[in-house]
Amino acid sequence: SKSKTVYMEVLILTTSHFKSSGHNHLQDIRPYF
């Protein structure tokens, strides 16, 4: 499904962003689940 693909792309981008920012990305994005 297209929506799932978009979700995964956003998740990857968010994870990459927090990694490059030096944050604990798993903790930072957890509220969105």
PDB file of N, CA and C in Angstrom:
ATOM      1  N   SER A   1       0.835  -1.195   0.000  1.00  0.00           N
ATOM      2  CA  SER A   1       0.000   0.000   0.000  1.00  0.00           C
ATOM      3  C   SER A   1       0.875   1.252   0.000  1.00  0.00           C
ATOM      4  N   LYS A   2       0.407   2.271  -0.655  1.00  0.00           N
ATOM      5  CA  LYS A   2       1.195   3.494  -0.774  1.00  0.00           C
ATOM      6  C   LYS A   2       1.384   4.171   0.576  1.00  0.00           C
ATOM      7  N   SER A   3       0.343   4.167   1.405  1.00  0.00           N
ATOM      8  CA  SER A   3       0.426   4.843   2.699  1.00  0.00           C
ATOM      9  C   SER A   3       1.502   4.225   3.576  1.00  0.00           C
ATOM     10  N   LYS A   4       1.646   2.895   3.499  1.00  0.00           N
ATOM     11  CA  LYS A   4       2.664   2.224   4.303  1.00  0.00           C
ATOM     12  C   LYS A   4       4.056   2.605   3.813  1.00  0.00           C
ATOM     13  N   THR A   5       4.211   2.741   2.500  1.00  0.00           N
ATOM     14  CA  THR A   5       5.500   3.129   1.942  1.00  0.00           C
ATOM     15  C   THR A   5       5.888   4.523   2.415  1.00  0.00           C
ATOM     16  N   VAL A   6       4.933   5.442   2.381  1.00  0.00           N
ATOM     17  CA  VAL A   6       5.189   6.812   2.831  1.00  0.00           C
ATOM     18  C   VAL A   6       5.558   6.818   4.303  1.00  0.00           C
ATOM     19  N   TYR A   7       4.850   6.018   5.093  1.00  0.00           N
ATOM     20  CA  TYR A   7       5.130   5.932   6.530  1.00  0.00           C
ATOM     21  C   TYR A   7       6.550   5.465   6.781  1.00  0.00           C
ATOM     22  N   MET A   8       6.975   4.450   6.030  1.00  0.00           N
ATOM     23  CA  MET A   8       8.325   3.920   6.208  1.00  0.00           C
ATOM     24  C   MET A   8       9.375   4.952   5.798  1.00  0.00           C
ATOM     25  N   GLU A   9       9.098   5.707   4.732  1.00  0.00           N
ATOM     26  CA  GLU A   9      10.034   6.740   4.289  1.00  0.00           C
ATOM     27  C   GLU A   9      10.195   7.815   5.355  1.00  0.00           C
ATOM     28  N   VAL A  10       9.072   8.222   5.942  1.00  0.00           N
ATOM     29  CA  VAL A  10       9.109   9.233   6.999  1.00  0.00           C
ATOM     30  C   VAL A  10       9.862   8.705   8.211  1.00  0.00           C
ATOM     31  N   LEU A  11       9.614   7.425   8.542  1.00  0.00           N
ATOM     32  CA  LEU A  11      10.283   6.820   9.693  1.00  0.00           C
ATOM     33  C   LEU A  11      11.795   6.786   9.486  1.00  0.00           C
ATOM     34  N   ILE A  12      12.214   6.420   8.276  1.00  0.00           N
ATOM     35  CA  ILE A  12      13.644   6.366   7.959  1.00  0.00           C
ATOM     36  C   ILE A  12      14.257   7.766   8.020  1.00  0.00           C
ATOM     37  N   LEU A  13      13.566   8.743   7.454  1.00  0.00           N
ATOM     38  CA  LEU A  13      14.077  10.112   7.474  1.00  0.00           C
ATOM     39  C   LEU A  13      14.168  10.641   8.898  1.00  0.00           C
ATOM     40  N   THR A  14      13.151  10.350   9.706  1.00  0.00           N
ATOM     41  CA  THR A  14      13.141  10.801  11.097  1.00  0.00           C
ATOM     42  C   THR A  14      14.276  10.165  11.871  1.00  0.00           C
ATOM     43  N   THR A  15      14.465   8.857  11.660  1.00  0.00           N
ATOM     44  CA  THR A  15      15.540   8.146  12.346  1.00  0.00           C
ATOM     45  C   THR A  15      16.894   8.716  11.947  1.00  0.00           C
ATOM     46  N   SER A  16      17.086   8.967  10.658  1.00  0.00           N
ATOM     47  CA  SER A  16      18.350   9.508  10.171  1.00  0.00           C
ATOM     48  C   SER A  16      18.595  10.900  10.749  1.00  0.00           C
ATOM     49  N   HIS A  17      17.529  11.692  10.847  1.00  0.00           N
ATOM     50  CA  HIS A  17      17.639  13.049  11.379  1.00  0.00           C
ATOM     51  C   HIS A  17      18.110  13.026  12.825  1.00  0.00           C
ATOM     52  N   PHE A  18      17.487  12.189  13.641  1.00  0.00           N
ATOM     53  CA  PHE A  18      17.843  12.143  15.053  1.00  0.00           C
ATOM     54  C   PHE A  18      19.229  11.540  15.257  1.00  0.00           C
ATOM     55  N   LYS A  19      19.612  10.592  14.412  1.00  0.00           N
ATOM     56  CA  LYS A  19      20.960  10.021  14.509  1.00  0.00           C
ATOM     57  C   LYS A  19      22.004  11.092  14.215  1.00  0.00           C
ATOM     58  N   SER A  20      21.779  11.875  13.164  1.00  0.00           N
ATOM     59  CA  SER A  20      22.737  12.905  12.787  1.00  0.00           C
ATOM     60  C   SER A  20      22.760  14.037  13.808  1.00  0.00           C
ATOM     61  N   SER A  21      21.650  14.214  14.529  1.00  0.00           N
ATOM     62  CA  SER A  21      21.572  15.255  15.547  1.00  0.00           C
ATOM     63  C   SER A  21      22.172  14.798  16.866  1.00  0.00           C
ATOM     64  N   GLY A  22      22.471  13.505  16.972  1.00  0.00           N
ATOM     65  CA  GLY A  22      23.081  12.973  18.174  1.00  0.00           C
ATOM     66  C   GLY A  22      22.079  12.685  19.273  1.00  0.00           C
ATOM     67  N   HIS A  23      20.798  12.641  18.935  1.00  0.00           N
ATOM     68  CA  HIS A  23      19.778  12.331  19.925  1.00  0.00           C
ATOM     69  C   HIS A  23      19.521  10.831  19.987  1.00  0.00           C
ATOM     70  N   ASN A  24      18.862  10.412  21.044  1.00  0.00           N
ATOM     71  CA  ASN A  24      18.378   9.033  21.125  1.00  0.00           C
ATOM     72  C   ASN A  24      17.099   8.985  20.299  1.00  0.00           C
ATOM     73  N   HIS A  25      17.221   8.603  19.019  1.00  0.00           N
ATOM     74  CA  HIS A  25      16.097   8.695  18.101  1.00  0.00           C
ATOM     75  C   HIS A  25      14.938   7.802  18.499  1.00  0.00           C
ATOM     76  N   LEU A  26      15.214   6.639  19.063  1.00  0.00           N
ATOM     77  CA  LEU A  26      14.128   5.748  19.456  1.00  0.00           C
ATOM     78  C   LEU A  26      13.284   6.384  20.545  1.00  0.00           C
ATOM     79  N   GLN A  27      13.928   7.049  21.488  1.00  0.00           N
ATOM     80  CA  GLN A  27      13.190   7.694  22.567  1.00  0.00           C
ATOM     81  C   GLN A  27      12.411   8.895  22.035  1.00  0.00           C
ATOM     82  N   ASP A  28      13.009   9.630  21.100  1.00  0.00           N
ATOM     83  CA  ASP A  28      12.391  10.845  20.596  1.00  0.00           C
ATOM     84  C   ASP A  28      11.159  10.578  19.740  1.00  0.00           C
ATOM     85  N   ILE A  29      11.172   9.470  18.975  1.00  0.00           N
ATOM     86  CA  ILE A  29      10.045   9.219  18.074  1.00  0.00           C
ATOM     87  C   ILE A  29       8.992   8.317  18.689  1.00  0.00           C
ATOM     88  N   ARG A  30       9.279   7.762  19.874  1.00  0.00           N
ATOM     89  CA  ARG A  30       8.345   6.828  20.493  1.00  0.00           C
ATOM     90  C   ARG A  30       6.931   7.411  20.674  1.00  0.00           C
ATOM     91  N   PRO A  31       6.763   8.696  21.040  1.00  0.00           N
ATOM     92  CA  PRO A  31       5.406   9.232  21.231  1.00  0.00           C
ATOM     93  C   PRO A  31       4.525   9.153  19.988  1.00  0.00           C
ATOM     94  N   TYR A  32       5.130   8.967  18.815  1.00  0.00           N
ATOM     95  CA  TYR A  32       4.347   8.927  17.586  1.00  0.00           C
ATOM     96  C   TYR A  32       3.754   7.554  17.305  1.00  0.00           C
ATOM     97  N   PHE A  33       4.099   6.550  18.114  1.00  0.00           N
ATOM     98  CA  PHE A  33       3.585   5.202  17.893  1.00  0.00           C
ATOM     99  C   PHE A  33       2.373   4.940  18.776  1.00  0.00           C
TER     100      PHE A  33
END
